[in-house]
N, C-alpha and C. Protein backbone atom coordinates (compact mmCIF):
# COMPACT_ATOMS: atom_id res chain seq x y z
N UNK A 1 0.76 -1.03 -0.09
CA UNK A 1 -0.05 0.20 0.01
C UNK A 1 0.81 1.18 -0.07
N UNK A 2 0.43 2.17 -0.72
CA UNK A 2 0.96 3.37 -0.89
C UNK A 2 0.72 4.41 0.29
N UNK A 3 1.16 4.98 0.87
CA UNK A 3 0.92 5.94 2.00
C UNK A 3 0.96 7.44 1.20
N UNK A 4 0.00 8.18 1.55
CA UNK A 4 -0.06 9.43 1.14
C UNK A 4 0.51 10.45 2.02
N UNK A 5 1.48 11.34 1.66
CA UNK A 5 2.16 12.16 2.28
C UNK A 5 1.22 13.48 2.48
N UNK A 6 0.93 13.82 3.51
CA UNK A 6 0.49 15.14 3.75
C UNK A 6 1.36 16.59 4.03
N UNK A 7 1.02 17.31 3.57
CA UNK A 7 1.94 18.35 3.44
C UNK A 7 1.28 19.60 4.34
N UNK A 8 1.90 19.87 5.39
CA UNK A 8 1.16 21.32 5.97
C UNK A 8 1.94 22.80 5.59
N UNK A 9 1.34 23.39 5.52
CA UNK A 9 2.05 25.00 5.47
C UNK A 9 1.55 25.79 6.43
N UNK A 10 2.47 26.72 6.64
CA UNK A 10 2.06 27.43 7.58
C UNK A 10 1.88 28.77 6.97
N UNK A 11 0.63 29.32 7.77
CA UNK A 11 0.11 30.60 7.13
C UNK A 11 0.51 31.82 8.34
N UNK A 12 1.02 32.70 7.60
CA UNK A 12 1.44 33.68 8.54
C UNK A 12 0.38 34.65 8.73
N UNK A 13 -0.09 35.02 9.82
CA UNK A 13 -1.13 35.71 10.05
C UNK A 13 -0.42 37.39 10.40
N UNK A 14 -0.95 38.32 9.86
CA UNK A 14 -0.56 39.69 10.43
C UNK A 14 -1.31 40.26 11.17
N UNK A 15 -0.47 40.46 12.50
CA UNK A 15 -1.37 41.31 13.41
C UNK A 15 -1.74 42.67 13.36
N UNK A 16 -2.78 43.08 13.39
CA UNK A 16 -3.13 44.53 13.39
C UNK A 16 -2.45 45.24 14.21
N UNK A 17 -2.07 46.61 13.98
CA UNK A 17 -1.01 47.18 14.65
C UNK A 17 -1.89 47.70 16.39
N UNK A 18 -1.12 47.65 17.15
CA UNK A 18 -1.57 48.15 18.58
C UNK A 18 -2.17 49.43 18.55
N UNK A 19 -3.25 49.88 19.11
CA UNK A 19 -3.89 50.91 19.15
C UNK A 19 -3.13 52.02 19.98
N UNK A 20 -3.05 53.18 19.62
CA UNK A 20 -2.37 53.94 20.60
C UNK A 20 -3.69 54.40 21.46
N UNK A 21 -3.52 54.64 22.57
CA UNK A 21 -4.44 54.87 23.76
C UNK A 21 -4.01 56.49 24.31
N UNK A 22 -4.76 57.54 24.57
CA UNK A 22 -4.40 58.85 25.00
C UNK A 22 -4.18 58.44 26.35
N UNK A 23 -2.99 59.12 26.80
CA UNK A 23 -2.96 58.82 28.28
C UNK A 23 -3.53 60.03 28.96
N UNK A 24 -4.30 59.46 29.80
CA UNK A 24 -4.96 60.28 30.80
C UNK A 24 -4.28 60.63 31.98
N UNK A 25 -4.22 61.73 32.32
CA UNK A 25 -3.20 62.21 33.41
C UNK A 25 -3.79 61.90 34.87
N UNK A 26 -3.03 61.53 35.62
CA UNK A 26 -3.51 61.21 37.20
C UNK A 26 -3.98 62.35 37.73
N UNK A 27 -4.53 62.28 39.03
CA UNK A 27 -4.72 63.52 39.33
C UNK A 27 -3.67 64.23 40.02
N UNK A 28 -2.58 63.52 40.56
CA UNK A 28 -1.28 64.18 41.04
C UNK A 28 -0.83 65.26 39.91
N UNK A 29 -1.06 64.60 38.88
CA UNK A 29 -0.45 65.47 37.47
C UNK A 29 -1.22 66.53 37.15
N UNK A 30 -2.64 66.54 37.54
CA UNK A 30 -3.65 67.55 37.16
C UNK A 30 -3.41 68.75 38.34
N UNK A 31 -3.18 68.39 39.51
CA UNK A 31 -3.38 69.55 40.52
C UNK A 31 -2.30 70.38 40.32
N UNK A 32 -2.19 71.66 40.94
CA UNK A 32 -1.25 72.31 40.90
C UNK A 32 -0.15 72.06 41.80
N UNK A 33 1.19 72.48 41.48
CA UNK A 33 2.17 72.30 42.30
C UNK A 33 2.10 72.60 43.56
N UNK A 34 2.54 71.90 44.43
CA UNK A 34 2.59 72.10 45.93
C UNK A 34 2.96 73.66 46.43
N UNK A 35 3.65 74.23 45.63
CA UNK A 35 4.09 75.88 46.04
C UNK A 35 2.79 76.72 45.46
N UNK A 36 1.83 76.31 44.72
CA UNK A 36 0.79 76.95 44.29
C UNK A 36 -0.49 76.64 45.26
N UNK A 37 -0.31 75.52 46.08
CA UNK A 37 -1.64 75.28 46.69
C UNK A 37 -1.84 76.08 47.76
N UNK A 38 -3.06 76.23 48.38
CA UNK A 38 -3.35 77.02 49.32
C UNK A 38 -3.66 75.73 50.26
N UNK A 39 -3.68 76.19 51.58
CA UNK A 39 -3.69 75.23 52.91
C UNK A 39 -5.34 75.19 53.04
N UNK A 40 -5.92 74.18 53.32
CA UNK A 40 -7.27 73.99 53.54
C UNK A 40 -7.53 74.68 54.86
N UNK A 41 -8.58 75.30 54.73
CA UNK A 41 -8.79 76.13 56.44
C UNK A 41 -9.67 75.06 57.03
N UNK A 42 -9.56 75.22 58.47
CA UNK A 42 -9.83 74.20 59.45
C UNK A 42 -11.34 74.21 59.33
N UNK A 43 -12.35 72.95 59.34
CA UNK A 43 -13.63 73.03 59.37
C UNK A 43 -14.32 74.00 60.06
N UNK A 44 -14.03 74.16 61.45
CA UNK A 44 -14.58 74.96 62.38
C UNK A 44 -14.69 76.60 61.92
N UNK A 45 -13.45 77.01 61.25
CA UNK A 45 -13.48 78.32 60.60
C UNK A 45 -14.56 78.53 59.60
N UNK A 46 -14.45 77.52 58.81
CA UNK A 46 -15.15 77.73 57.47
C UNK A 46 -16.82 77.34 58.20
N UNK A 47 -17.08 76.97 58.81
CA UNK A 47 -18.62 76.90 59.44
C UNK A 47 -18.76 78.07 60.33
N UNK A 48 -17.83 78.91 60.74
CA UNK A 48 -18.01 80.12 61.44
C UNK A 48 -18.13 80.97 60.55
N UNK A 49 -17.51 81.19 59.12
CA UNK A 49 -17.72 82.37 58.22
C UNK A 49 -18.89 82.13 57.64
N UNK A 50 -19.55 80.84 57.31
CA UNK A 50 -20.57 80.65 56.74
C UNK A 50 -21.81 80.93 57.61
N UNK A 51 -21.99 81.10 58.81
CA UNK A 51 -23.01 81.38 59.90
C UNK A 51 -23.44 82.85 59.81
N UNK A 52 -24.73 83.14 59.62
CA UNK A 52 -25.06 84.71 59.15
C UNK A 52 -25.58 85.28 60.57
N UNK A 53 -25.04 86.40 61.03
CA UNK A 53 -25.50 87.03 62.11
C UNK A 53 -27.22 86.99 62.13
N UNK A 54 -27.64 86.77 63.40
CA UNK A 54 -29.23 86.83 63.53
C UNK A 54 -29.99 88.09 62.90
N UNK A 55 -29.30 89.09 63.43
CA UNK A 55 -30.02 90.42 62.97
C UNK A 55 -29.99 90.74 61.60
N UNK A 56 -29.11 90.28 60.77
CA UNK A 56 -29.37 90.79 59.47
C UNK A 56 -29.67 89.58 58.51
N UNK A 57 -30.51 90.10 57.54
CA UNK A 57 -30.91 89.23 56.64
C UNK A 57 -30.09 88.42 55.44
N UNK A 58 -29.89 87.46 55.20
CA UNK A 58 -28.86 86.59 54.28
C UNK A 58 -29.57 87.43 52.74
N UNK A 59 -28.59 87.54 51.82
CA UNK A 59 -28.74 88.15 50.60
C UNK A 59 -29.31 86.74 49.65
N UNK A 60 -30.03 86.82 48.95
CA UNK A 60 -30.62 85.89 48.33
C UNK A 60 -30.08 86.16 46.61
N UNK A 61 -29.96 85.01 46.01
CA UNK A 61 -29.93 85.34 44.37
C UNK A 61 -31.42 85.36 44.14
N UNK A 62 -31.68 85.83 43.01
CA UNK A 62 -32.96 85.91 42.40
C UNK A 62 -33.49 84.40 42.03
N UNK A 63 -32.42 83.49 41.71
CA UNK A 63 -33.00 82.13 41.53
C UNK A 63 -33.34 81.53 42.86
N UNK A 64 -32.65 81.84 44.00
CA UNK A 64 -32.98 81.20 45.11
C UNK A 64 -34.49 81.66 45.64
N UNK A 65 -34.67 83.20 45.46
CA UNK A 65 -35.83 83.81 45.82
C UNK A 65 -37.19 83.34 45.10
N UNK A 66 -36.76 82.80 43.79
CA UNK A 66 -37.83 82.52 42.71
C UNK A 66 -38.28 80.87 43.41
N UNK A 67 -37.31 80.15 43.56
CA UNK A 67 -37.38 78.77 44.06
C UNK A 67 -38.41 78.92 45.46
N UNK A 68 -38.05 79.69 46.17
CA UNK A 68 -38.93 79.75 47.38
C UNK A 68 -40.03 80.02 47.19
N UNK A 69 -40.33 81.23 46.43
CA UNK A 69 -41.91 81.40 45.90
C UNK A 69 -42.48 80.40 45.42
N UNK A 70 -41.77 79.89 44.57
CA UNK A 70 -42.63 78.74 43.75
C UNK A 70 -42.92 77.58 44.77
N UNK A 71 -42.17 77.05 45.82
CA UNK A 71 -42.59 76.23 46.56
C UNK A 71 -43.72 76.64 47.23
N UNK A 72 -43.63 78.08 48.10
CA UNK A 72 -44.82 78.22 48.68
C UNK A 72 -46.10 78.64 47.90
N UNK A 73 -46.01 78.89 46.54
CA UNK A 73 -47.18 78.75 45.81
C UNK A 73 -47.64 77.40 45.51
N UNK A 74 -46.95 76.35 45.56
CA UNK A 74 -47.35 75.14 45.38
C UNK A 74 -47.98 74.69 46.61
N UNK A 75 -47.44 75.11 47.93
CA UNK A 75 -48.19 74.62 49.34
C UNK A 75 -49.52 75.31 49.14
N UNK A 76 -49.36 76.68 48.88
CA UNK A 76 -50.70 77.12 48.91
C UNK A 76 -51.77 76.69 48.13
N UNK A 77 -51.53 76.34 46.87
CA UNK A 77 -52.38 75.71 45.90
C UNK A 77 -52.58 74.48 46.29
N UNK A 78 -51.74 73.61 47.26
CA UNK A 78 -52.42 72.33 47.76
C UNK A 78 -53.20 72.54 48.75
N UNK A 79 -53.21 73.61 49.64
CA UNK A 79 -54.06 73.57 50.59
C UNK A 79 -55.26 74.08 50.22
N UNK A 80 -55.37 74.59 49.06
CA UNK A 80 -56.72 74.75 48.23
C UNK A 80 -57.44 73.87 47.22
N UNK A 81 -56.81 72.57 47.33
CA UNK A 81 -57.04 71.41 46.70
C UNK A 81 -56.59 71.69 45.25
N UNK A 82 -55.76 72.52 45.01
CA UNK A 82 -55.29 72.75 43.49
C UNK A 82 -56.58 73.29 42.78
N UNK A 83 -57.36 74.15 43.32
CA UNK A 83 -58.52 74.75 42.92
C UNK A 83 -58.51 76.37 42.77
N UNK A 84 -58.53 76.79 41.96
CA UNK A 84 -58.46 78.41 42.13
C UNK A 84 -57.17 79.04 41.07
N UNK A 85 -57.08 80.34 41.12
CA UNK A 85 -56.25 81.14 40.27
C UNK A 85 -54.84 80.83 40.81
N UNK A 86 -54.01 80.29 39.77
CA UNK A 86 -52.42 80.19 40.20
C UNK A 86 -51.96 81.54 40.50
N UNK A 87 -52.17 82.73 39.78
CA UNK A 87 -51.56 83.95 39.99
C UNK A 87 -51.78 84.57 41.35
N UNK A 88 -52.94 84.45 41.60
CA UNK A 88 -53.25 84.58 43.26
C UNK A 88 -52.33 83.80 44.09
N UNK A 89 -52.44 82.45 43.75
CA UNK A 89 -51.67 81.84 44.76
C UNK A 89 -49.79 82.13 44.82
N UNK A 90 -49.24 82.78 43.84
CA UNK A 90 -48.02 83.30 43.37
C UNK A 90 -47.93 84.41 44.23
N UNK A 91 -48.98 85.33 44.11
CA UNK A 91 -48.94 86.85 44.59
C UNK A 91 -48.75 86.74 45.90
N UNK A 92 -49.82 85.57 46.75
CA UNK A 92 -49.53 85.26 47.98
C UNK A 92 -48.37 84.75 48.50
N UNK A 93 -47.52 83.79 47.83
CA UNK A 93 -46.47 83.06 48.07
C UNK A 93 -45.54 84.26 48.21
N UNK A 94 -45.48 85.21 47.15
CA UNK A 94 -44.37 86.16 47.14
C UNK A 94 -44.30 87.22 48.30
N UNK A 95 -45.56 87.59 49.15
CA UNK A 95 -45.96 88.14 50.16
C UNK A 95 -45.31 87.58 51.43
N UNK A 96 -45.82 86.13 51.49
CA UNK A 96 -45.42 85.05 52.25
C UNK A 96 -43.88 85.12 52.31
N UNK A 97 -43.04 84.94 51.41
CA UNK A 97 -41.55 84.81 51.41
C UNK A 97 -40.98 86.10 51.62
N UNK A 98 -41.58 87.27 51.19
CA UNK A 98 -40.82 88.65 51.53
C UNK A 98 -40.99 88.95 53.06
N UNK A 99 -42.21 88.31 53.63
CA UNK A 99 -42.48 88.60 55.13
C UNK A 99 -41.38 87.85 55.85
N UNK A 100 -41.05 86.66 55.36
CA UNK A 100 -39.91 85.88 56.22
C UNK A 100 -38.61 86.35 55.96
N UNK A 101 -38.21 87.01 54.90
CA UNK A 101 -37.06 87.53 54.62
C UNK A 101 -37.12 88.81 55.20
């Protein structure tokens, strides 16, 4: 009997070139050098600075005042079962907020 020879050929597979990834800086590289950093204030001093004197009204931004009026108007409308004039609720809420401030 005759034996059949099998030949194997090697295939060379080209690998795709490796992707270059962007280097993301670490937090230590992002922060300012030590000489430019400010020391953190102790928490007790920060809390003391934020406390407002009892006799003086705090300055509100227009956005904060608007949100306060908005919430007050909602609760006034809720007391009335959401029935009635929304503008009247808004005016009443403005008076209420201004009285508190």
